[in-house]
Amino acid sequence: MAKEYRESYTTDDIKRRIDYLKNRIDFAESKYEKLYFMELLRQEETKSNQVEEDETKADRTAMITKTDLTLEQLTQYDGSGGKPAYVAVDGIIYDVSREGSWGGGTHFGLYAGQDLTEQFSGCHQAGILKNLPIVGRLIK
C-alpha cells in the first residue's frame, strides 16, 4: 500500500500525475502550453522528491528500536579502547565506528560519545548521515 503524502497524495498518485504531465508536454499544441505543463511537472517532481525523503526518514526512524541512550550513557561510546564510536545528531544516535574520518573516535577536533547537533549543522548537510547505521535515540 502506498504511503500518504500530506492530505490526499500518495506516491502512486504523484507518479501517475508525473506520467500524465510528461504526456501532455509531448502533445502540447503551443510553446506556452508546453511551458505550463513543464512547470507543473517540475512541481510534481519536487513533491515526489519530498515524499521519497519523508518515506526514507520514516523508514529509518522506524528502524530505531535498538537502543535509546541518555547523554551520560552515550559518553561510554567514545571509540576509545576498542569501544564503538557513537554520535548523536538531532536526537538520533549514529554509529561512526567504521568511518575512516572518525578514526579513534575523533573527527577534526570533535569526539565521539557526544551530542554533536550544533557542530554538525555548522559544517555538514543532513544527507551525509543517511549512510550511517542508526543505533537508537538520544533520551533527554
C-alpha atoms as a PDB file:
ATOM      1  CA  MET A   1       0.000   0.000   0.000  1.00  0.00           C
ATOM      2  CA  ALA A   2       1.372   3.408  -0.943  1.00  0.00           C
ATOM      3  CA  LYS A   3       2.227   5.842   1.813  1.00  0.00           C
ATOM      4  CA  GLU A   4       0.225   9.027   2.014  1.00  0.00           C
ATOM      5  CA  TYR A   5       1.722  12.429   1.366  1.00  0.00           C
ATOM      6  CA  ARG A   6       0.242  15.375   3.176  1.00  0.00           C
ATOM      7  CA  GLU A   7      -3.552  15.143   2.985  1.00  0.00           C
ATOM      8  CA  SER A   8      -4.509  13.195  -0.106  1.00  0.00           C
ATOM      9  CA  TYR A   9      -1.448  12.439  -2.217  1.00  0.00           C
ATOM     10  CA  THR A  10       0.085   9.003  -2.338  1.00  0.00           C
ATOM     11  CA  THR A  11       3.304   8.133  -4.112  1.00  0.00           C
ATOM     12  CA  ASP A  12       1.256   6.273  -6.736  1.00  0.00           C
ATOM     13  CA  ASP A  13      -0.913   9.368  -7.326  1.00  0.00           C
ATOM     14  CA  ILE A  14       2.153  11.525  -7.834  1.00  0.00           C
ATOM     15  CA  LYS A  15       3.754   9.025 -10.228  1.00  0.00           C
ATOM     16  CA  ARG A  16       0.548   8.869 -12.283  1.00  0.00           C
ATOM     17  CA  ARG A  17       0.363  12.663 -12.385  1.00  0.00           C
ATOM     18  CA  ILE A  18       4.019  12.914 -13.481  1.00  0.00           C
ATOM     19  CA  ASP A  19       3.366  10.434 -16.305  1.00  0.00           C
ATOM     20  CA  TYR A  20       0.256  12.371 -17.331  1.00  0.00           C
ATOM     21  CA  LEU A  21       2.161  15.679 -17.383  1.00  0.00           C
ATOM     22  CA  LYS A  22       5.007  14.203 -19.437  1.00  0.00           C
ATOM     23  CA  ASN A  23       2.423  13.033 -21.957  1.00  0.00           C
ATOM     24  CA  ARG A  24       0.800  16.484 -22.039  1.00  0.00           C
ATOM     25  CA  ILE A  25       4.208  18.078 -22.675  1.00  0.00           C
ATOM     26  CA  ASP A  26       4.817  15.739 -25.608  1.00  0.00           C
ATOM     27  CA  PHE A  27       1.488  16.663 -27.198  1.00  0.00           C
ATOM     28  CA  ALA A  28       1.301  20.353 -26.288  1.00  0.00           C
ATOM     29  CA  GLU A  29      -0.011  22.466 -29.142  1.00  0.00           C
ATOM     30  CA  SER A  30       1.867  25.662 -28.280  1.00  0.00           C
ATOM     31  CA  LYS A  31       5.092  26.561 -26.570  1.00  0.00           C
ATOM     32  CA  TYR A  32       3.101  28.292 -23.808  1.00  0.00           C
ATOM     33  CA  GLU A  33       1.067  25.187 -23.147  1.00  0.00           C
ATOM     34  CA  LYS A  34       4.296  23.188 -23.107  1.00  0.00           C
ATOM     35  CA  LEU A  35       5.903  25.636 -20.628  1.00  0.00           C
ATOM     36  CA  TYR A  36       2.812  25.473 -18.424  1.00  0.00           C
ATOM     37  CA  PHE A  37       2.922  21.676 -18.234  1.00  0.00           C
ATOM     38  CA  MET A  38       6.691  21.714 -17.733  1.00  0.00           C
ATOM     39  CA  GLU A  39       6.219  23.939 -14.672  1.00  0.00           C
ATOM     40  CA  LEU A  40       3.511  21.630 -13.310  1.00  0.00           C
ATOM     41  CA  LEU A  41       5.839  18.690 -13.917  1.00  0.00           C
ATOM     42  CA  ARG A  42       8.650  20.435 -12.038  1.00  0.00           C
ATOM     43  CA  GLN A  43       6.298  20.989  -9.080  1.00  0.00           C
ATOM     44  CA  GLU A  44       5.183  17.352  -9.071  1.00  0.00           C
ATOM     45  CA  GLU A  45       8.775  16.100  -9.259  1.00  0.00           C
ATOM     46  CA  THR A  46       9.650  18.320  -6.303  1.00  0.00           C
ATOM     47  CA  LYS A  47       6.682  16.882  -4.439  1.00  0.00           C
ATOM     48  CA  SER A  48       7.787  13.363  -5.391  1.00  0.00           C
ATOM     49  CA  ASN A  49      11.303  14.001  -4.069  1.00  0.00           C
ATOM     50  CA  GLN A  50       9.848  15.298  -0.796  1.00  0.00           C
ATOM     51  CA  VAL A  51       7.653  12.207  -0.474  1.00  0.00           C
ATOM     52  CA  GLU A  52      10.661   9.953  -1.022  1.00  0.00           C
ATOM     53  CA  GLU A  53      12.675  11.856   1.593  1.00  0.00           C
ATOM     54  CA  ASP A  54       9.765  11.702   4.053  1.00  0.00           C
ATOM     55  CA  GLU A  55       9.325   7.968   3.482  1.00  0.00           C
ATOM     56  CA  THR A  56      13.048   7.305   3.846  1.00  0.00           C
ATOM     57  CA  LYS A  57      13.165   9.302   7.058  1.00  0.00           C
ATOM     58  CA  ALA A  58      10.092   7.479   8.388  1.00  0.00           C
ATOM     59  CA  ASP A  59      11.570   4.093   7.453  1.00  0.00           C
ATOM     60  CA  ARG A  60      14.889   4.925   9.128  1.00  0.00           C
ATOM     61  CA  THR A  61      13.124   6.264  12.215  1.00  0.00           C
ATOM     62  CA  ALA A  62      11.047   3.091  12.389  1.00  0.00           C
ATOM     63  CA  MET A  63      14.291   1.091  12.483  1.00  0.00           C
ATOM     64  CA  ILE A  64      15.206   2.840  15.718  1.00  0.00           C
ATOM     65  CA  THR A  65      14.289   0.026  18.041  1.00  0.00           C
ATOM     66  CA  LYS A  66      17.758  -0.950  19.098  1.00  0.00           C
ATOM     67  CA  THR A  67      18.991   1.324  21.844  1.00  0.00           C
ATOM     68  CA  ASP A  68      17.832   4.502  23.480  1.00  0.00           C
ATOM     69  CA  LEU A  69      20.619   6.194  25.435  1.00  0.00           C
ATOM     70  CA  THR A  70      20.870   9.139  27.760  1.00  0.00           C
ATOM     71  CA  LEU A  71      23.645  11.650  27.162  1.00  0.00           C
ATOM     72  CA  GLU A  72      25.519  10.148  30.106  1.00  0.00           C
ATOM     73  CA  GLN A  73      25.253   6.637  28.618  1.00  0.00           C
ATOM     74  CA  LEU A  74      26.328   7.945  25.202  1.00  0.00           C
ATOM     75  CA  THR A  75      29.652   9.121  26.659  1.00  0.00           C
ATOM     76  CA  GLN A  76      30.641   5.452  27.100  1.00  0.00           C
ATOM     77  CA  TYR A  77      30.743   5.068  23.301  1.00  0.00           C
ATOM     78  CA  ASP A  78      33.667   7.330  22.530  1.00  0.00           C
ATOM     79  CA  GLY A  79      35.625   4.935  20.298  1.00  0.00           C
ATOM     80  CA  SER A  80      38.482   4.514  22.772  1.00  0.00           C
ATOM     81  CA  GLY A  81      39.901   1.156  23.803  1.00  0.00           C
ATOM     82  CA  GLY A  82      38.087  -0.718  21.028  1.00  0.00           C
ATOM     83  CA  LYS A  83      34.656   0.584  22.058  1.00  0.00           C
ATOM     84  CA  PRO A  84      32.182   1.645  19.360  1.00  0.00           C
ATOM     85  CA  ALA A  85      32.095   5.337  18.416  1.00  0.00           C
ATOM     86  CA  TYR A  86      28.585   6.835  18.538  1.00  0.00           C
ATOM     87  CA  VAL A  87      27.471  10.416  17.976  1.00  0.00           C
ATOM     88  CA  ALA A  88      24.037  11.976  18.330  1.00  0.00           C
ATOM     89  CA  VAL A  89      22.608  14.456  15.832  1.00  0.00           C
ATOM     90  CA  ASP A  90      19.075  15.826  16.174  1.00  0.00           C
ATOM     91  CA  GLY A  91      18.168  13.175  18.745  1.00  0.00           C
ATOM     92  CA  ILE A  92      19.312  10.211  16.633  1.00  0.00           C
ATOM     93  CA  ILE A  93      22.409   8.226  17.584  1.00  0.00           C
ATOM     94  CA  TYR A  94      24.652   7.124  14.717  1.00  0.00           C
ATOM     95  CA  ASP A  95      27.497   4.610  14.692  1.00  0.00           C
ATOM     96  CA  VAL A  96      30.604   6.262  13.197  1.00  0.00           C
ATOM     97  CA  SER A  97      32.954   3.438  14.207  1.00  0.00           C
ATOM     98  CA  ARG A  98      33.629   2.335  10.631  1.00  0.00           C
ATOM     99  CA  GLU A  99      34.028   5.805   9.185  1.00  0.00           C
ATOM    100  CA  GLY A 100      37.653   6.449   8.311  1.00  0.00           C
ATOM    101  CA  SER A 101      37.294  10.122   9.160  1.00  0.00           C
ATOM    102  CA  TRP A 102      36.322   9.140  12.733  1.00  0.00           C
ATOM    103  CA  GLY A 103      39.455   7.081  13.453  1.00  0.00           C
ATOM    104  CA  GLY A 104      39.993   6.647  17.181  1.00  0.00           C
ATOM    105  CA  GLY A 105      36.657   8.316  17.922  1.00  0.00           C
ATOM    106  CA  THR A 106      37.779  11.778  16.809  1.00  0.00           C
ATOM    107  CA  HIS A 107      36.920  13.878  13.781  1.00  0.00           C
ATOM    108  CA  PHE A 108      38.540  17.295  13.224  1.00  0.00           C
ATOM    109  CA  GLY A 109      38.713  18.027  16.933  1.00  0.00           C
ATOM    110  CA  LEU A 110      35.309  16.548  17.772  1.00  0.00           C
ATOM    111  CA  TYR A 111      34.931  13.494  19.962  1.00  0.00           C
ATOM    112  CA  ALA A 112      32.500  10.595  19.698  1.00  0.00           C
ATOM    113  CA  GLY A 113      30.228   9.864  22.628  1.00  0.00           C
ATOM    114  CA  GLN A 114      28.585  13.288  22.453  1.00  0.00           C
ATOM    115  CA  ASP A 115      25.575  15.126  21.058  1.00  0.00           C
ATOM    116  CA  LEU A 116      27.092  16.962  18.101  1.00  0.00           C
ATOM    117  CA  THR A 117      23.911  18.528  16.714  1.00  0.00           C
ATOM    118  CA  GLU A 118      25.223  22.100  16.828  1.00  0.00           C
ATOM    119  CA  GLN A 119      28.638  21.229  15.439  1.00  0.00           C
ATOM    120  CA  PHE A 120      27.120  19.084  12.682  1.00  0.00           C
ATOM    121  CA  SER A 121      24.723  21.742  11.457  1.00  0.00           C
ATOM    122  CA  GLY A 122      27.621  24.176  11.183  1.00  0.00           C
ATOM    123  CA  CYS A 123      29.617  22.142   8.677  1.00  0.00           C
ATOM    124  CA  HIS A 124      27.542  19.308   7.137  1.00  0.00           C
ATOM    125  CA  GLN A 125      24.264  18.711   5.341  1.00  0.00           C
ATOM    126  CA  ALA A 126      21.781  16.115   6.598  1.00  0.00           C
ATOM    127  CA  GLY A 127      22.355  13.840   3.586  1.00  0.00           C
ATOM    128  CA  ILE A 128      25.742  12.791   4.910  1.00  0.00           C
ATOM    129  CA  LEU A 129      24.033  10.883   7.734  1.00  0.00           C
ATOM    130  CA  LYS A 130      21.832   8.694   5.543  1.00  0.00           C
ATOM    131  CA  ASN A 131      24.508   6.015   5.081  1.00  0.00           C
ATOM    132  CA  LEU A 132      25.439   5.739   8.744  1.00  0.00           C
ATOM    133  CA  PRO A 133      23.954   2.942  10.833  1.00  0.00           C
ATOM    134  CA  ILE A 134      21.375   4.182  13.329  1.00  0.00           C
ATOM    135  CA  VAL A 135      21.952   2.923  16.854  1.00  0.00           C
ATOM    136  CA  GLY A 136      18.920   4.469  18.556  1.00  0.00           C
ATOM    137  CA  ARG A 137      17.576   7.679  20.033  1.00  0.00           C
ATOM    138  CA  LEU A 138      19.053  10.134  22.473  1.00  0.00           C
ATOM    139  CA  ILE A 139      16.895  10.416  25.560  1.00  0.00           C
ATOM    140  CA  LYS A 140      16.897  13.898  27.043  1.00  0.00           C
END
